[in-house]
Amino acid sequence: MLTLDKLRITQDDFALEADFRIAPGARVAVLGPSGAGKSTLLTTIAGFLAPHSGRVLWAGEDITPAAPGERPLSILFQDQNLFPHLSVSQNLGLGISPRPRLSAQERARIERALDRVGLSGLGARKPAALSGGQQGRVALARCLLRAKPLLLLDEPFAALGPALKAEMLALVAEIAREQGTAVLMVSHDPSDALALCPETVLVAEGRAHPPRPTAALLADPPPALAAYLGPHAGP
């Protein structure tokens, strides 16, 4: 379980508070106006930004002082964070170990992960030789290999077309169910939240609110969210 305990994040004149829990295996969207702090919230949970006060806990353990690599999570950004000079298989190998030479068993795990995300036979290619959707699949395969209990998504599929994005969200949901992974996904698109996440955290006016059912929140959005979504707000 992810617990944000009286968390307060400050940057210059910006402040954001959060005090709620995310259950193991839950899939939760993070919605709110631009600049409200959605990505900042994920960055703090991931350990790249220290909170002003409060704690981040996983399964009751305080991970606030832990470095990003020591936290029980994986994070996907919009740029996928793939190393362009490494092959697909080498990029995936970093999800297993920083060692350049992997065992036969570890290489077999990489092949299974590629097969799982529909990229069999593409391990030798460089990221630049892949489409945007294929690069997203490589990033997901790396998370699959890491098998961490929490997955943070900071709009990694925002640049994809509607059909491909829907396919990627379905793949995330499938992998999360298989591994029991909790997912926290920043999105600007309410349809993405509905597709993947039964619950949603609203970030607005200096607060990340506790999760609410996504469909109910979008059917009757509070003023800050309604103004952001526009006149066609609602599922």
Protein backbone atom coordinates (compact mmCIF):
# COMPACT_ATOMS: atom_id res chain seq x y z
CA MET A 1 0.00 0.00 0.00
CA LEU A 2 1.22 3.48 -0.91
CA THR A 3 0.62 6.05 1.84
CA LEU A 4 1.15 9.78 1.48
CA ASP A 5 1.22 10.90 5.08
CA LYS A 6 0.56 14.63 5.50
CA LEU A 7 2.80 15.25 2.50
CA ARG A 8 3.59 18.85 1.61
CA ILE A 9 5.57 19.72 -1.51
CA THR A 10 6.88 23.24 -2.09
CA GLN A 11 8.78 24.85 -4.96
CA ASP A 12 9.18 28.64 -4.86
CA ASP A 13 5.59 29.93 -4.56
CA PHE A 14 4.06 26.54 -5.45
CA ALA A 15 2.65 24.25 -2.74
CA LEU A 16 0.82 20.93 -2.90
CA GLU A 17 -0.57 18.79 -0.08
CA ALA A 18 -1.54 15.12 -0.14
CA ASP A 19 -2.79 12.80 2.58
CA PHE A 20 -4.26 9.52 1.30
CA ARG A 21 -3.57 5.85 0.53
CA ILE A 22 -3.46 3.76 -2.65
CA ALA A 23 -4.33 0.10 -2.16
CA PRO A 24 -2.07 -2.66 -3.55
CA GLY A 25 -3.04 -3.44 -7.14
CA ALA A 26 -5.23 -0.34 -7.51
CA ARG A 27 -5.19 1.60 -10.79
CA VAL A 28 -5.58 5.29 -10.08
CA ALA A 29 -5.58 8.25 -12.50
CA VAL A 30 -4.23 11.67 -11.56
CA LEU A 31 -6.28 14.44 -13.17
CA GLY A 32 -6.35 18.19 -12.76
CA PRO A 33 -5.65 21.54 -14.41
CA SER A 34 -2.31 22.22 -16.07
CA GLY A 35 0.25 23.38 -13.53
CA ALA A 36 -1.69 21.97 -10.59
CA GLY A 37 1.15 19.61 -9.63
CA LYS A 38 0.26 16.22 -11.12
CA SER A 39 3.75 15.43 -12.41
CA THR A 40 5.29 17.01 -9.31
CA LEU A 41 3.33 14.56 -7.17
CA LEU A 42 4.68 11.57 -9.12
CA THR A 43 8.21 13.00 -9.08
CA THR A 44 8.05 13.24 -5.30
CA ILE A 45 6.70 9.71 -4.89
CA ALA A 46 9.51 8.47 -7.16
CA GLY A 47 12.13 10.22 -5.01
CA PHE A 48 13.42 12.78 -7.49
CA LEU A 49 12.02 15.64 -5.42
CA ALA A 50 12.14 15.80 -1.61
CA PRO A 51 8.95 16.93 0.14
CA HIS A 52 8.97 19.93 2.44
CA SER A 53 7.29 17.83 5.11
CA GLY A 54 5.37 14.61 5.56
CA ARG A 55 6.24 11.08 4.48
CA VAL A 56 5.94 8.62 1.61
CA LEU A 57 5.40 5.07 2.83
CA TRP A 58 5.15 1.72 1.08
CA ALA A 59 3.65 -1.21 3.01
CA GLY A 60 4.10 0.80 6.20
CA GLU A 61 7.82 1.47 5.60
CA ASP A 62 8.97 5.07 5.37
CA ILE A 63 10.71 5.41 1.99
CA THR A 64 10.95 9.23 2.08
CA PRO A 65 14.76 9.18 2.58
CA ALA A 66 15.32 6.44 -0.04
CA ALA A 67 16.99 7.20 -3.36
CA PRO A 68 14.85 6.69 -6.49
CA GLY A 69 16.58 3.43 -7.40
CA GLU A 70 15.91 2.02 -3.95
CA ARG A 71 12.14 2.54 -4.07
CA PRO A 72 9.73 -0.28 -4.93
CA LEU A 73 8.53 1.35 -8.13
CA SER A 74 9.07 1.93 -11.82
CA ILE A 75 8.24 5.17 -13.63
CA LEU A 76 7.47 5.81 -17.29
CA PHE A 77 7.84 9.31 -18.72
CA GLN A 78 6.60 10.58 -22.07
CA ASP A 79 10.08 10.23 -23.62
CA GLN A 80 10.25 6.55 -22.52
CA ASN A 81 13.82 7.01 -21.11
CA LEU A 82 15.42 4.60 -23.58
CA PHE A 83 19.16 4.86 -24.24
CA PRO A 84 19.56 5.53 -27.99
CA HIS A 85 23.04 3.99 -28.25
CA LEU A 86 21.90 0.66 -26.78
CA SER A 87 19.86 -2.04 -28.48
CA VAL A 88 16.36 -2.91 -27.34
CA SER A 89 17.69 -5.98 -25.52
CA GLN A 90 20.41 -3.95 -23.83
CA ASN A 91 17.87 -1.36 -22.72
CA LEU A 92 15.77 -4.15 -21.26
CA GLY A 93 18.80 -5.67 -19.60
CA LEU A 94 19.10 -2.54 -17.47
CA GLY A 95 15.75 -3.48 -15.97
CA ILE A 96 17.38 -6.63 -14.62
CA SER A 97 20.93 -5.57 -13.78
CA PRO A 98 23.43 -2.79 -14.51
CA ARG A 99 25.96 -5.47 -15.47
CA PRO A 100 26.77 -5.41 -19.21
CA ARG A 101 26.95 -9.19 -19.49
CA LEU A 102 23.80 -11.08 -18.56
CA SER A 103 23.35 -14.78 -17.91
CA ALA A 104 21.56 -17.08 -20.34
CA GLN A 105 18.62 -17.17 -17.95
CA GLU A 106 18.46 -13.37 -17.87
CA ARG A 107 18.62 -13.17 -21.67
CA ALA A 108 15.77 -15.67 -21.84
CA ARG A 109 13.72 -13.42 -19.53
CA ILE A 110 14.32 -10.53 -21.94
CA GLU A 111 13.11 -12.61 -24.89
CA ARG A 112 9.97 -13.60 -22.97
CA ALA A 113 9.30 -9.95 -22.07
CA LEU A 114 9.68 -8.90 -25.72
CA ASP A 115 7.29 -11.65 -26.76
CA ARG A 116 4.85 -10.56 -24.05
CA VAL A 117 4.63 -7.02 -25.45
CA GLY A 118 4.53 -8.11 -29.09
CA LEU A 119 8.14 -7.30 -30.04
CA SER A 120 9.60 -10.75 -30.67
CA GLY A 121 12.71 -10.64 -32.84
CA LEU A 122 13.34 -6.91 -32.39
CA GLY A 123 15.88 -7.13 -29.57
CA ALA A 124 18.85 -6.18 -31.75
CA ARG A 125 17.32 -2.94 -33.03
CA LYS A 126 18.13 0.51 -31.69
CA PRO A 127 15.23 2.63 -30.33
CA ALA A 128 15.47 5.03 -33.30
CA ALA A 129 14.53 2.15 -35.61
CA LEU A 130 11.24 1.63 -33.77
CA SER A 131 7.94 3.45 -34.02
CA GLY A 132 6.64 5.48 -31.09
CA GLY A 133 4.29 2.69 -30.13
CA GLN A 134 7.08 0.12 -30.26
CA GLN A 135 9.28 2.31 -28.07
CA GLY A 136 6.43 2.48 -25.57
CA ARG A 137 6.26 -1.31 -25.60
CA VAL A 138 10.00 -1.54 -24.89
CA ALA A 139 9.58 0.77 -21.89
CA LEU A 140 6.69 -1.37 -20.67
CA ALA A 141 8.73 -4.53 -21.14
CA ARG A 142 11.47 -3.03 -18.97
CA CYS A 143 8.88 -2.38 -16.23
CA LEU A 144 7.65 -5.95 -16.67
CA LEU A 145 11.19 -7.22 -16.04
CA ARG A 146 11.64 -4.97 -13.00
CA ALA A 147 8.36 -6.32 -11.55
CA LYS A 148 8.05 -3.57 -8.95
CA PRO A 149 4.78 -3.36 -7.00
CA LEU A 150 4.12 0.28 -8.01
CA LEU A 151 4.10 1.73 -11.54
CA LEU A 152 4.03 5.50 -12.09
CA LEU A 153 2.94 6.71 -15.54
CA ASP A 154 3.58 10.35 -16.43
CA GLU A 155 1.69 10.52 -19.74
CA PRO A 156 4.02 8.07 -21.53
CA PHE A 157 1.50 7.52 -24.37
CA ALA A 158 0.29 11.11 -24.84
CA ALA A 159 1.93 11.45 -28.27
CA LEU A 160 0.31 8.28 -29.67
CA GLY A 161 -2.81 8.18 -31.80
CA PRO A 162 -6.11 7.15 -30.17
CA ALA A 163 -6.11 3.51 -31.34
CA LEU A 164 -2.48 2.84 -30.40
CA LYS A 165 -2.88 4.64 -27.07
CA ALA A 166 -5.93 2.50 -26.24
CA GLU A 167 -3.88 -0.60 -27.08
CA MET A 168 -1.06 0.50 -24.78
CA LEU A 169 -3.44 1.27 -21.91
CA ALA A 170 -5.02 -2.16 -22.30
CA LEU A 171 -1.55 -3.73 -22.16
CA VAL A 172 -0.72 -1.79 -18.99
CA ALA A 173 -3.96 -3.01 -17.39
CA GLU A 174 -3.22 -6.61 -18.39
CA ILE A 175 0.33 -6.55 -17.03
CA ALA A 176 -0.78 -4.78 -13.83
CA ARG A 177 -3.43 -7.45 -13.20
CA GLU A 178 -0.95 -10.27 -13.83
CA GLN A 179 1.69 -8.84 -11.48
CA GLY A 180 -0.63 -7.27 -8.89
CA THR A 181 0.95 -3.89 -9.65
CA ALA A 182 -0.54 -0.65 -8.35
CA VAL A 183 -0.67 2.02 -11.07
CA LEU A 184 -0.72 5.80 -10.64
CA MET A 185 -1.20 7.54 -14.01
CA VAL A 186 -1.03 11.25 -14.79
CA SER A 187 -3.29 12.13 -17.70
CA HIS A 188 -4.88 15.14 -19.37
CA ASP A 189 -7.44 12.93 -21.08
CA PRO A 190 -10.47 11.81 -19.04
CA SER A 191 -11.15 8.99 -21.52
CA ASP A 192 -7.73 7.49 -20.65
CA ALA A 193 -8.62 7.65 -16.96
CA LEU A 194 -11.92 5.87 -17.62
CA ALA A 195 -10.22 3.22 -19.76
CA LEU A 196 -7.53 2.23 -17.26
CA CYS A 197 -8.34 3.54 -13.81
CA PRO A 198 -11.43 2.80 -11.70
CA GLU A 199 -10.31 5.54 -9.28
CA THR A 200 -8.96 9.05 -9.73
CA VAL A 201 -6.99 11.51 -7.61
CA LEU A 202 -7.98 15.10 -8.38
CA VAL A 203 -5.09 17.57 -8.13
CA ALA A 204 -6.37 21.14 -7.89
CA GLU A 205 -6.01 24.31 -5.86
CA GLY A 206 -2.99 23.11 -3.90
CA ARG A 207 -4.29 19.69 -2.93
CA ALA A 208 -4.14 16.13 -4.23
CA HIS A 209 -7.47 14.76 -3.05
CA PRO A 210 -8.03 11.16 -1.94
CA PRO A 211 -9.06 8.75 -4.71
CA ARG A 212 -12.68 8.79 -5.87
CA PRO A 213 -14.47 6.56 -8.38
CA THR A 214 -13.47 7.86 -11.80
CA ALA A 215 -16.87 7.62 -13.47
CA ALA A 216 -18.61 9.45 -10.62
CA LEU A 217 -15.95 12.19 -10.52
CA LEU A 218 -16.22 12.83 -14.25
CA ALA A 219 -20.00 12.68 -14.24
CA ASP A 220 -20.15 15.46 -11.64
CA PRO A 221 -16.75 17.20 -11.64
CA PRO A 222 -16.00 19.86 -9.02
CA PRO A 223 -15.62 23.42 -10.38
CA ALA A 224 -11.82 23.33 -10.81
CA LEU A 225 -11.97 20.12 -12.84
CA ALA A 226 -15.06 21.18 -14.79
CA ALA A 227 -13.37 24.43 -15.84
CA TYR A 228 -10.33 22.48 -17.01
CA LEU A 229 -12.29 19.83 -18.92
CA GLY A 230 -14.54 22.41 -20.58
CA PRO A 231 -18.21 22.28 -21.56
CA HIS A 232 -18.06 18.64 -22.62
CA ALA A 233 -16.94 17.42 -19.19
CA GLY A 234 -18.33 14.06 -18.21
CA PRO A 235 -17.94 10.48 -19.45
